[in-house]
C-alpha atoms as a PDB file:
ATOM      1  CA  GLN A   1      95.215 126.846 182.789  1.00  0.00           C
ATOM      2  CA  VAL A   2      98.058 128.064 184.981  1.00  0.00           C
ATOM      3  CA  GLN A   3      97.108 129.190 188.486  1.00  0.00           C
ATOM      4  CA  LEU A   4      99.258 131.670 190.398  1.00  0.00           C
ATOM      5  CA  VAL A   5      99.780 131.895 194.159  1.00  0.00           C
ATOM      6  CA  GLU A   6     101.893 134.688 195.642  1.00  0.00           C
ATOM      7  CA  SER A   7     103.501 134.556 199.090  1.00  0.00           C
ATOM      8  CA  GLY A   8     106.223 136.094 201.219  1.00  0.00           C
ATOM      9  CA  GLY A   9     104.787 139.509 201.960  1.00  0.00           C
ATOM     10  CA  GLY A  10     104.776 141.121 205.378  1.00  0.00           C
ATOM     11  CA  LEU A  11     105.579 144.168 207.457  1.00  0.00           C
ATOM     12  CA  VAL A  12     109.138 145.464 207.315  1.00  0.00           C
ATOM     13  CA  GLN A  13     110.936 148.650 208.317  1.00  0.00           C
ATOM     14  CA  ALA A  14     112.346 150.991 205.716  1.00  0.00           C
ATOM     15  CA  GLY A  15     115.723 149.751 204.535  1.00  0.00           C
ATOM     16  CA  GLY A  16     114.760 146.134 205.136  1.00  0.00           C
ATOM     17  CA  SER A  17     114.357 143.230 202.739  1.00  0.00           C
ATOM     18  CA  LEU A  18     111.721 140.730 201.706  1.00  0.00           C
ATOM     19  CA  ARG A  19     111.621 137.881 199.221  1.00  0.00           C
ATOM     20  CA  LEU A  20     108.348 137.215 197.434  1.00  0.00           C
ATOM     21  CA  SER A  21     107.561 133.976 195.679  1.00  0.00           C
ATOM     22  CA  CYS A  22     105.008 133.112 193.016  1.00  0.00           C
ATOM     23  CA  ALA A  23     104.106 129.449 192.620  1.00  0.00           C
ATOM     24  CA  ALA A  24     102.474 128.427 189.365  1.00  0.00           C
ATOM     25  CA  SER A  25     100.593 125.255 188.623  1.00  0.00           C
ATOM     26  CA  GLY A  26     100.532 123.729 185.178  1.00  0.00           C
ATOM     27  CA  ARG A  27     103.104 122.248 182.874  1.00  0.00           C
ATOM     28  CA  THR A  28     103.128 125.225 180.486  1.00  0.00           C
ATOM     29  CA  PHE A  29     104.594 127.692 183.012  1.00  0.00           C
ATOM     30  CA  SER A  30     108.086 127.606 181.534  1.00  0.00           C
ATOM     31  CA  LYS A  31     106.917 128.942 178.168  1.00  0.00           C
ATOM     32  CA  TYR A  32     105.749 132.263 179.645  1.00  0.00           C
ATOM     33  CA  ALA A  33     107.719 135.406 180.217  1.00  0.00           C
ATOM     34  CA  MET A  34     106.676 136.382 183.735  1.00  0.00           C
ATOM     35  CA  ALA A  35     106.395 139.620 185.639  1.00  0.00           C
ATOM     36  CA  TRP A  36     105.669 141.120 189.019  1.00  0.00           C
ATOM     37  CA  PHE A  37     103.195 143.933 189.476  1.00  0.00           C
ATOM     38  CA  ARG A  38     102.031 145.907 192.490  1.00  0.00           C
ATOM     39  CA  GLN A  39      99.008 147.924 193.471  1.00  0.00           C
ATOM     40  CA  PRO A  40      99.642 150.645 196.069  1.00  0.00           C
ATOM     41  CA  PRO A  41      96.713 151.735 198.241  1.00  0.00           C
ATOM     42  CA  GLY A  42      94.235 153.757 196.205  1.00  0.00           C
ATOM     43  CA  LYS A  43      96.245 153.475 193.003  1.00  0.00           C
ATOM     44  CA  GLU A  44      96.264 151.451 189.807  1.00  0.00           C
ATOM     45  CA  ARG A  45      98.266 148.270 189.445  1.00  0.00           C
ATOM     46  CA  GLU A  46     101.722 148.956 188.023  1.00  0.00           C
ATOM     47  CA  PHE A  47     104.553 146.986 186.472  1.00  0.00           C
ATOM     48  CA  VAL A  48     107.544 146.179 188.699  1.00  0.00           C
ATOM     49  CA  ALA A  49     109.792 143.662 186.950  1.00  0.00           C
ATOM     50  CA  ALA A  50     109.799 141.002 184.217  1.00  0.00           C
ATOM     51  CA  ILE A  51     111.866 137.986 183.248  1.00  0.00           C
ATOM     52  CA  THR A  52     112.020 136.053 179.989  1.00  0.00           C
ATOM     53  CA  TRP A  53     111.029 132.374 179.829  1.00  0.00           C
ATOM     54  CA  SER A  54     114.696 131.354 179.923  1.00  0.00           C
ATOM     55  CA  GLY A  55     115.523 133.696 182.789  1.00  0.00           C
ATOM     56  CA  TYR A  56     118.277 135.198 180.692  1.00  0.00           C
ATOM     57  CA  ASN A  57     116.839 138.714 180.437  1.00  0.00           C
ATOM     58  CA  THR A  58     115.245 140.831 183.134  1.00  0.00           C
ATOM     59  CA  TYR A  59     113.572 144.231 183.111  1.00  0.00           C
ATOM     60  CA  TYR A  60     112.688 146.631 185.905  1.00  0.00           C
ATOM     61  CA  SER A  61     110.701 149.769 186.460  1.00  0.00           C
ATOM     62  CA  ASP A  62     112.836 152.783 187.232  1.00  0.00           C
ATOM     63  CA  SER A  63     111.429 152.962 190.747  1.00  0.00           C
ATOM     64  CA  VAL A  64     112.863 149.564 191.742  1.00  0.00           C
ATOM     65  CA  LYS A  65     115.920 149.230 189.512  1.00  0.00           C
ATOM     66  CA  GLY A  66     119.000 148.420 191.555  1.00  0.00           C
ATOM     67  CA  ARG A  67     116.960 147.383 194.602  1.00  0.00           C
ATOM     68  CA  PHE A  68     114.788 144.492 193.367  1.00  0.00           C
ATOM     69  CA  THR A  69     115.848 141.295 191.598  1.00  0.00           C
ATOM     70  CA  ILE A  70     113.505 138.976 189.714  1.00  0.00           C
ATOM     71  CA  SER A  71     114.410 135.336 189.176  1.00  0.00           C
ATOM     72  CA  ARG A  72     112.717 132.087 188.196  1.00  0.00           C
ATOM     73  CA  ASP A  73     113.117 128.356 188.570  1.00  0.00           C
ATOM     74  CA  ASN A  74     111.276 126.557 185.779  1.00  0.00           C
ATOM     75  CA  ALA A  75     111.889 123.179 187.380  1.00  0.00           C
ATOM     76  CA  LYS A  76     109.997 124.341 190.464  1.00  0.00           C
ATOM     77  CA  ASN A  77     107.487 126.533 188.592  1.00  0.00           C
ATOM     78  CA  THR A  78     108.366 129.579 190.687  1.00  0.00           C
ATOM     79  CA  VAL A  79     109.152 133.226 190.087  1.00  0.00           C
ATOM     80  CA  ASP A  80     110.729 135.168 192.948  1.00  0.00           C
ATOM     81  CA  LEU A  81     111.219 138.840 193.681  1.00  0.00           C
ATOM     82  CA  GLU A  82     114.043 139.780 196.025  1.00  0.00           C
ATOM     83  CA  MET A  83     113.393 143.245 197.428  1.00  0.00           C
ATOM     84  CA  ASN A  84     116.130 145.182 199.202  1.00  0.00           C
ATOM     85  CA  SER A  85     116.422 148.721 200.561  1.00  0.00           C
ATOM     86  CA  LEU A  86     112.660 148.873 200.861  1.00  0.00           C
ATOM     87  CA  LYS A  87     110.952 152.247 201.043  1.00  0.00           C
ATOM     88  CA  PRO A  88     107.527 153.220 202.373  1.00  0.00           C
ATOM     89  CA  GLU A  89     106.454 153.891 198.781  1.00  0.00           C
ATOM     90  CA  ASP A  90     106.986 150.190 198.030  1.00  0.00           C
ATOM     91  CA  THR A  91     103.929 149.450 200.177  1.00  0.00           C
ATOM     92  CA  ALA A  92     101.441 147.623 197.962  1.00  0.00           C
ATOM     93  CA  VAL A  93      99.796 144.322 197.166  1.00  0.00           C
ATOM     94  CA  TYR A  94     102.206 142.423 194.911  1.00  0.00           C
ATOM     95  CA  TYR A  95     101.059 140.113 192.126  1.00  0.00           C
ATOM     96  CA  CYS A  96     102.748 137.938 189.541  1.00  0.00           C
ATOM     97  CA  ASN A  97     101.454 137.263 186.054  1.00  0.00           C
ATOM     98  CA  THR A  98     102.686 136.979 182.497  1.00  0.00           C
ATOM     99  CA  ASP A  99     104.722 139.760 180.938  1.00  0.00           C
ATOM    100  CA  PRO A 100     102.032 141.809 179.165  1.00  0.00           C
ATOM    101  CA  SER A 101     104.386 142.604 176.286  1.00  0.00           C
ATOM    102  CA  GLN A 102     104.628 138.904 175.501  1.00  0.00           C
ATOM    103  CA  ASP A 103     101.415 137.113 176.476  1.00  0.00           C
ATOM    104  CA  PRO A 104      97.845 137.815 177.557  1.00  0.00           C
ATOM    105  CA  PRO A 105      97.367 137.706 181.322  1.00  0.00           C
ATOM    106  CA  LEU A 106      96.495 134.581 183.254  1.00  0.00           C
ATOM    107  CA  ASP A 107      93.893 134.676 186.002  1.00  0.00           C
ATOM    108  CA  TRP A 108      95.206 136.943 188.748  1.00  0.00           C
ATOM    109  CA  GLY A 109      96.085 135.415 192.108  1.00  0.00           C
ATOM    110  CA  GLN A 110      95.218 136.911 195.462  1.00  0.00           C
ATOM    111  CA  GLY A 111      98.487 138.795 195.746  1.00  0.00           C
ATOM    112  CA  THR A 112     100.661 139.270 198.813  1.00  0.00           C
ATOM    113  CA  GLN A 113     100.684 142.413 200.962  1.00  0.00           C
ATOM    114  CA  VAL A 114     103.953 144.257 201.509  1.00  0.00           C
ATOM    115  CA  THR A 115     103.943 147.060 204.072  1.00  0.00           C
ATOM    116  CA  VAL A 116     107.052 149.169 204.644  1.00  0.00           C
ATOM    117  CA  SER A 117     107.051 151.358 207.737  1.00  0.00           C
ATOM    118  CA  SER A 118     109.095 154.531 207.995  1.00  0.00           C
END
């Protein structure tokens, strides 16, 4: 079973940048389409971005399109999320997991907190 560990969150001012990383254990990581999700305070978890197993295709929610970039390195078993032009509404706990349109979810990691101050 693949285990997921997210890192890279923190406190940043509006307009700033952060790079999140998701490290996955297990040799089967490269076969999964992967995604980032986030859960804002008091709200449901929502989709942010996804990337195919090859890394060739990426998809974004409208709220982050043009500001966030998802990437992966199958040799290192990592999926990253580069976040630029951050807004206070990006404040959330960020999680990685499989793309729900492609595969059932793996066990959720602990997530990483991103806080954007105005």
